[in-house]
């Protein structure tokens, strides 16, 4: 497995843990049980562990799908919010009813009933995206030599290819210091 993918999977899993703790807190604050309710477990102990494990796996999926984008923290947080929204649709509206022997709950009434869990899912996505960006940025700052060299080769090639154009001076009428 390439090093950047491994880095993003591990950072995604760690970010999923951070987001999962907030998600579990938000769900319990509203009196809801997410994955624990599906397994018939109480929302303490084993149920919380199941929810955190699911959050770590979903977070690793976030890292694998969205990957790290340098200098794009807003895009990373936005993609996290979108990822949380998609998991709200996939989880409580689709998978949960299917596991309980019903069809997908895509009606307005069922979506309205699942609306409180949307808060937890969006919070999970936003914190997972933010944590992912911070963790990978800290990793890149601590170990810059661990980054792939392909970018260095591409940069060297592009600088060599465009060097003649970069060295030429612009015409005088573009020179701002030469105004009369």
C-alpha atoms as a PDB file:
ATOM      1  CA  UNK A   1       0.000   0.000   0.000  1.00  0.00           C
ATOM      2  CA  UNK A   2       1.473   3.385  -0.956  1.00  0.00           C
ATOM      3  CA  UNK A   3       2.569   5.579   1.922  1.00  0.00           C
ATOM      4  CA  UNK A   4       0.113   8.482   1.270  1.00  0.00           C
ATOM      5  CA  UNK A   5      -2.831   6.050   1.145  1.00  0.00           C
ATOM      6  CA  UNK A   6      -1.696   4.372   4.367  1.00  0.00           C
ATOM      7  CA  UNK A   7      -1.248   7.786   5.961  1.00  0.00           C
ATOM      8  CA  UNK A   8      -4.739   8.875   4.887  1.00  0.00           C
ATOM      9  CA  UNK A   9      -6.338   5.635   6.100  1.00  0.00           C
ATOM     10  CA  UNK A  10      -4.711   5.919   9.517  1.00  0.00           C
ATOM     11  CA  UNK A  11      -5.489   9.639   9.804  1.00  0.00           C
ATOM     12  CA  UNK A  12      -9.062   8.952   8.662  1.00  0.00           C
ATOM     13  CA  UNK A  13      -9.479   6.235  11.292  1.00  0.00           C
ATOM     14  CA  UNK A  14      -8.103   8.530  14.025  1.00  0.00           C
ATOM     15  CA  UNK A  15     -10.319  11.381  12.807  1.00  0.00           C
ATOM     16  CA  UNK A  16     -13.254   8.949  12.774  1.00  0.00           C
ATOM     17  CA  UNK A  17     -12.526   8.160  16.415  1.00  0.00           C
ATOM     18  CA  UNK A  18     -12.644  11.870  17.285  1.00  0.00           C
ATOM     19  CA  UNK A  19     -15.823  12.375  15.270  1.00  0.00           C
ATOM     20  CA  UNK A  20     -17.296   9.166  16.682  1.00  0.00           C
ATOM     21  CA  UNK A  21     -16.847  10.345  20.248  1.00  0.00           C
ATOM     22  CA  UNK A  22     -18.717  13.557  19.408  1.00  0.00           C
ATOM     23  CA  UNK A  23     -21.359  11.584  17.484  1.00  0.00           C
ATOM     24  CA  UNK A  24     -21.939   9.208  20.406  1.00  0.00           C
ATOM     25  CA  UNK A  25     -22.176  12.142  22.805  1.00  0.00           C
ATOM     26  CA  UNK A  26     -24.652  13.977  20.527  1.00  0.00           C
ATOM     27  CA  UNK A  27     -26.811  10.888  20.085  1.00  0.00           C
ATOM     28  CA  UNK A  28     -26.875  10.141  23.824  1.00  0.00           C
ATOM     29  CA  UNK A  29     -27.636  13.787  24.603  1.00  0.00           C
ATOM     30  CA  UNK A  30     -30.751  13.430  22.451  1.00  0.00           C
ATOM     31  CA  UNK A  31     -31.651  10.054  23.961  1.00  0.00           C
ATOM     32  CA  UNK A  32     -30.951   8.184  20.722  1.00  0.00           C
ATOM     33  CA  UNK A  33     -29.048   4.963  20.060  1.00  0.00           C
ATOM     34  CA  UNK A  34     -27.397   4.563  16.675  1.00  0.00           C
ATOM     35  CA  UNK A  35     -25.668   1.268  15.855  1.00  0.00           C
ATOM     36  CA  UNK A  36     -26.295  -0.040  19.356  1.00  0.00           C
ATOM     37  CA  UNK A  37     -30.058   0.166  18.805  1.00  0.00           C
ATOM     38  CA  UNK A  38     -29.800  -2.010  15.694  1.00  0.00           C
ATOM     39  CA  UNK A  39     -27.904  -4.729  17.522  1.00  0.00           C
ATOM     40  CA  UNK A  40     -30.356  -4.623  20.427  1.00  0.00           C
ATOM     41  CA  UNK A  41     -27.612  -3.452  22.787  1.00  0.00           C
ATOM     42  CA  UNK A  42     -27.990  -0.797  25.456  1.00  0.00           C
ATOM     43  CA  UNK A  43     -26.248   2.475  24.659  1.00  0.00           C
ATOM     44  CA  UNK A  44     -23.621   1.844  27.333  1.00  0.00           C
ATOM     45  CA  UNK A  45     -20.552  -0.328  27.296  1.00  0.00           C
ATOM     46  CA  UNK A  46     -20.793  -2.700  24.342  1.00  0.00           C
ATOM     47  CA  UNK A  47     -23.186  -0.425  22.444  1.00  0.00           C
ATOM     48  CA  UNK A  48     -20.864   2.564  22.675  1.00  0.00           C
ATOM     49  CA  UNK A  49     -17.901   0.379  21.665  1.00  0.00           C
ATOM     50  CA  UNK A  50     -19.821  -0.783  18.580  1.00  0.00           C
ATOM     51  CA  UNK A  51     -20.653   2.799  17.641  1.00  0.00           C
ATOM     52  CA  UNK A  52     -17.015   3.902  18.071  1.00  0.00           C
ATOM     53  CA  UNK A  53     -15.786   0.940  16.003  1.00  0.00           C
ATOM     54  CA  UNK A  54     -18.218   1.852  13.223  1.00  0.00           C
ATOM     55  CA  UNK A  55     -17.063   5.484  13.417  1.00  0.00           C
ATOM     56  CA  UNK A  56     -13.410   4.416  13.073  1.00  0.00           C
ATOM     57  CA  UNK A  57     -14.181   2.271  10.010  1.00  0.00           C
ATOM     58  CA  UNK A  58     -16.275   5.002   8.399  1.00  0.00           C
ATOM     59  CA  UNK A  59     -13.491   7.506   9.180  1.00  0.00           C
ATOM     60  CA  UNK A  60     -10.924   5.282   7.447  1.00  0.00           C
ATOM     61  CA  UNK A  61     -13.288   5.238   4.465  1.00  0.00           C
ATOM     62  CA  UNK A  62     -13.347   9.041   4.561  1.00  0.00           C
ATOM     63  CA  UNK A  63      -9.554   9.136   4.426  1.00  0.00           C
ATOM     64  CA  UNK A  64      -9.473   6.680   1.519  1.00  0.00           C
ATOM     65  CA  UNK A  65     -12.140   8.503  -0.493  1.00  0.00           C
ATOM     66  CA  UNK A  66     -11.365  12.172   0.026  1.00  0.00           C
ATOM     67  CA  UNK A  67      -7.600  11.997   0.614  1.00  0.00           C
ATOM     68  CA  UNK A  68      -5.521  14.945   1.794  1.00  0.00           C
ATOM     69  CA  UNK A  69      -5.736  18.238  -0.082  1.00  0.00           C
ATOM     70  CA  UNK A  70      -3.025  20.714   0.957  1.00  0.00           C
ATOM     71  CA  UNK A  71      -4.224  24.214   1.875  1.00  0.00           C
ATOM     72  CA  UNK A  72      -7.874  23.168   1.495  1.00  0.00           C
ATOM     73  CA  UNK A  73      -9.184  22.942   5.040  1.00  0.00           C
ATOM     74  CA  UNK A  74     -12.575  24.414   4.079  1.00  0.00           C
ATOM     75  CA  UNK A  75     -13.005  21.837   1.309  1.00  0.00           C
ATOM     76  CA  UNK A  76     -11.995  19.063   3.706  1.00  0.00           C
ATOM     77  CA  UNK A  77     -14.509  20.171   6.343  1.00  0.00           C
ATOM     78  CA  UNK A  78     -17.210  20.604   3.677  1.00  0.00           C
ATOM     79  CA  UNK A  79     -16.558  17.143   2.322  1.00  0.00           C
ATOM     80  CA  UNK A  80     -16.799  15.848   5.894  1.00  0.00           C
ATOM     81  CA  UNK A  81     -20.208  17.474   6.334  1.00  0.00           C
ATOM     82  CA  UNK A  82     -21.329  15.958   3.034  1.00  0.00           C
ATOM     83  CA  UNK A  83     -19.935  12.571   4.111  1.00  0.00           C
ATOM     84  CA  UNK A  84     -21.923  12.801   7.362  1.00  0.00           C
ATOM     85  CA  UNK A  85     -25.067  13.656   5.411  1.00  0.00           C
ATOM     86  CA  UNK A  86     -24.530  10.689   3.090  1.00  0.00           C
ATOM     87  CA  UNK A  87     -24.076   8.379   6.085  1.00  0.00           C
ATOM     88  CA  UNK A  88     -27.307   9.750   7.566  1.00  0.00           C
ATOM     89  CA  UNK A  89     -29.077   8.756   4.361  1.00  0.00           C
ATOM     90  CA  UNK A  90     -27.276   5.401   4.151  1.00  0.00           C
ATOM     91  CA  UNK A  91     -27.576   4.584   7.877  1.00  0.00           C
ATOM     92  CA  UNK A  92     -30.860   5.519   9.573  1.00  0.00           C
ATOM     93  CA  UNK A  93     -32.852   5.945   6.364  1.00  0.00           C
ATOM     94  CA  UNK A  94     -31.604   2.952   4.364  1.00  0.00           C
ATOM     95  CA  UNK A  95     -29.577   0.306   6.217  1.00  0.00           C
ATOM     96  CA  UNK A  96     -31.406   0.437   9.553  1.00  0.00           C
ATOM     97  CA  UNK A  97     -34.862  -0.240   8.053  1.00  0.00           C
ATOM     98  CA  UNK A  98     -33.412  -2.973   5.814  1.00  0.00           C
ATOM     99  CA  UNK A  99     -31.775  -4.686   8.804  1.00  0.00           C
ATOM    100  CA  UNK A 100     -35.076  -4.508  10.667  1.00  0.00           C
ATOM    101  CA  UNK A 101     -36.890  -6.249   7.781  1.00  0.00           C
ATOM    102  CA  UNK A 102     -38.567  -3.194   6.243  1.00  0.00           C
ATOM    103  CA  UNK A 103     -37.919  -1.254   3.073  1.00  0.00           C
ATOM    104  CA  UNK A 104     -35.763   1.873   2.930  1.00  0.00           C
ATOM    105  CA  UNK A 105     -37.242   4.756   4.907  1.00  0.00           C
ATOM    106  CA  UNK A 106     -37.069   7.449   2.309  1.00  0.00           C
ATOM    107  CA  UNK A 107     -40.493   8.936   2.977  1.00  0.00           C
ATOM    108  CA  UNK A 108     -40.837  12.415   4.393  1.00  0.00           C
ATOM    109  CA  UNK A 109     -42.318  11.081   7.631  1.00  0.00           C
ATOM    110  CA  UNK A 110     -39.436   8.658   8.260  1.00  0.00           C
ATOM    111  CA  UNK A 111     -36.850  11.293   7.341  1.00  0.00           C
ATOM    112  CA  UNK A 112     -38.551  13.671   9.773  1.00  0.00           C
ATOM    113  CA  UNK A 113     -38.416  11.008  12.499  1.00  0.00           C
ATOM    114  CA  UNK A 114     -34.678  10.490  11.816  1.00  0.00           C
ATOM    115  CA  UNK A 115     -33.948  14.225  11.751  1.00  0.00           C
ATOM    116  CA  UNK A 116     -32.453  14.342  15.285  1.00  0.00           C
ATOM    117  CA  UNK A 117     -29.766  11.868  14.226  1.00  0.00           C
ATOM    118  CA  UNK A 118     -28.880  14.205  11.354  1.00  0.00           C
ATOM    119  CA  UNK A 119     -27.327  16.540  13.927  1.00  0.00           C
ATOM    120  CA  UNK A 120     -25.029  13.763  15.121  1.00  0.00           C
ATOM    121  CA  UNK A 121     -24.104  12.670  11.599  1.00  0.00           C
ATOM    122  CA  UNK A 122     -23.285  16.192  10.407  1.00  0.00           C
ATOM    123  CA  UNK A 123     -21.296  16.856  13.588  1.00  0.00           C
ATOM    124  CA  UNK A 124     -19.455  13.574  13.005  1.00  0.00           C
ATOM    125  CA  UNK A 125     -18.644  14.522   9.408  1.00  0.00           C
ATOM    126  CA  UNK A 126     -17.475  18.046  10.232  1.00  0.00           C
ATOM    127  CA  UNK A 127     -15.232  16.910  13.089  1.00  0.00           C
ATOM    128  CA  UNK A 128     -13.914  13.988  11.071  1.00  0.00           C
ATOM    129  CA  UNK A 129     -13.022  16.302   8.174  1.00  0.00           C
ATOM    130  CA  UNK A 130     -11.404  18.893  10.432  1.00  0.00           C
ATOM    131  CA  UNK A 131      -9.512  16.280  12.453  1.00  0.00           C
ATOM    132  CA  UNK A 132      -8.360  14.540   9.276  1.00  0.00           C
ATOM    133  CA  UNK A 133      -6.952  17.778   7.882  1.00  0.00           C
ATOM    134  CA  UNK A 134      -5.190  18.661  11.142  1.00  0.00           C
ATOM    135  CA  UNK A 135      -3.734  15.163  11.632  1.00  0.00           C
ATOM    136  CA  UNK A 136      -2.345  14.893   8.096  1.00  0.00           C
ATOM    137  CA  UNK A 137      -1.000  18.454   8.235  1.00  0.00           C
ATOM    138  CA  UNK A 138       0.806  17.661  11.483  1.00  0.00           C
ATOM    139  CA  UNK A 139       2.153  14.432   9.969  1.00  0.00           C
ATOM    140  CA  UNK A 140       3.451  16.265   6.897  1.00  0.00           C
ATOM    141  CA  UNK A 141       5.053  18.908   9.084  1.00  0.00           C
ATOM    142  CA  UNK A 142       6.733  16.303  11.319  1.00  0.00           C
ATOM    143  CA  UNK A 143       7.915  14.009   8.490  1.00  0.00           C
ATOM    144  CA  UNK A 144       8.258  16.016   5.253  1.00  0.00           C
ATOM    145  CA  UNK A 145      10.658  13.433   3.793  1.00  0.00           C
ATOM    146  CA  UNK A 146       7.884  10.809   3.915  1.00  0.00           C
ATOM    147  CA  UNK A 147       6.033  12.501   1.062  1.00  0.00           C
ATOM    148  CA  UNK A 148       6.244  10.913  -2.383  1.00  0.00           C
ATOM    149  CA  UNK A 149       8.977  12.194  -4.668  1.00  0.00           C
ATOM    150  CA  UNK A 150       6.788  12.098  -7.760  1.00  0.00           C
ATOM    151  CA  UNK A 151       5.689  15.662  -7.012  1.00  0.00           C
ATOM    152  CA  UNK A 152       9.320  16.761  -6.872  1.00  0.00           C
ATOM    153  CA  UNK A 153      10.005  15.128 -10.243  1.00  0.00           C
ATOM    154  CA  UNK A 154       6.915  16.734 -11.788  1.00  0.00           C
ATOM    155  CA  UNK A 155       7.859  20.128 -10.360  1.00  0.00           C
ATOM    156  CA  UNK A 156      11.449  19.835 -11.639  1.00  0.00           C
ATOM    157  CA  UNK A 157      10.198  18.816 -15.089  1.00  0.00           C
ATOM    158  CA  UNK A 158       7.716  21.698 -15.272  1.00  0.00           C
ATOM    159  CA  UNK A 159      10.332  24.214 -14.117  1.00  0.00           C
ATOM    160  CA  UNK A 160      12.774  22.942 -16.724  1.00  0.00           C
ATOM    161  CA  UNK A 161      10.132  23.020 -19.454  1.00  0.00           C
ATOM    162  CA  UNK A 162       8.905  26.537 -18.676  1.00  0.00           C
ATOM    163  CA  UNK A 163      12.215  28.091 -17.581  1.00  0.00           C
ATOM    164  CA  UNK A 164      12.837  29.901 -20.902  1.00  0.00           C
ATOM    165  CA  UNK A 165       9.424  31.562 -20.651  1.00  0.00           C
ATOM    166  CA  UNK A 166       9.867  32.495 -16.998  1.00  0.00           C
ATOM    167  CA  UNK A 167      13.215  34.214 -17.591  1.00  0.00           C
ATOM    168  CA  UNK A 168      12.067  36.547 -20.329  1.00  0.00           C
ATOM    169  CA  UNK A 169      11.118  40.077 -19.316  1.00  0.00           C
ATOM    170  CA  UNK A 170       7.644  41.428 -20.014  1.00  0.00           C
ATOM    171  CA  UNK A 171       7.260  44.238 -22.521  1.00  0.00           C
ATOM    172  CA  UNK A 172       7.752  47.774 -21.232  1.00  0.00           C
ATOM    173  CA  UNK A 173       4.091  48.651 -21.367  1.00  0.00           C
ATOM    174  CA  UNK A 174       3.471  46.030 -18.621  1.00  0.00           C
ATOM    175  CA  UNK A 175       6.139  47.475 -16.352  1.00  0.00           C
ATOM    176  CA  UNK A 176       4.329  49.282 -13.508  1.00  0.00           C
ATOM    177  CA  UNK A 177       7.444  51.118 -12.313  1.00  0.00           C
ATOM    178  CA  UNK A 178       7.872  52.906 -15.638  1.00  0.00           C
ATOM    179  CA  UNK A 179       4.776  55.149 -15.573  1.00  0.00           C
ATOM    180  CA  UNK A 180       5.021  58.683 -16.973  1.00  0.00           C
END
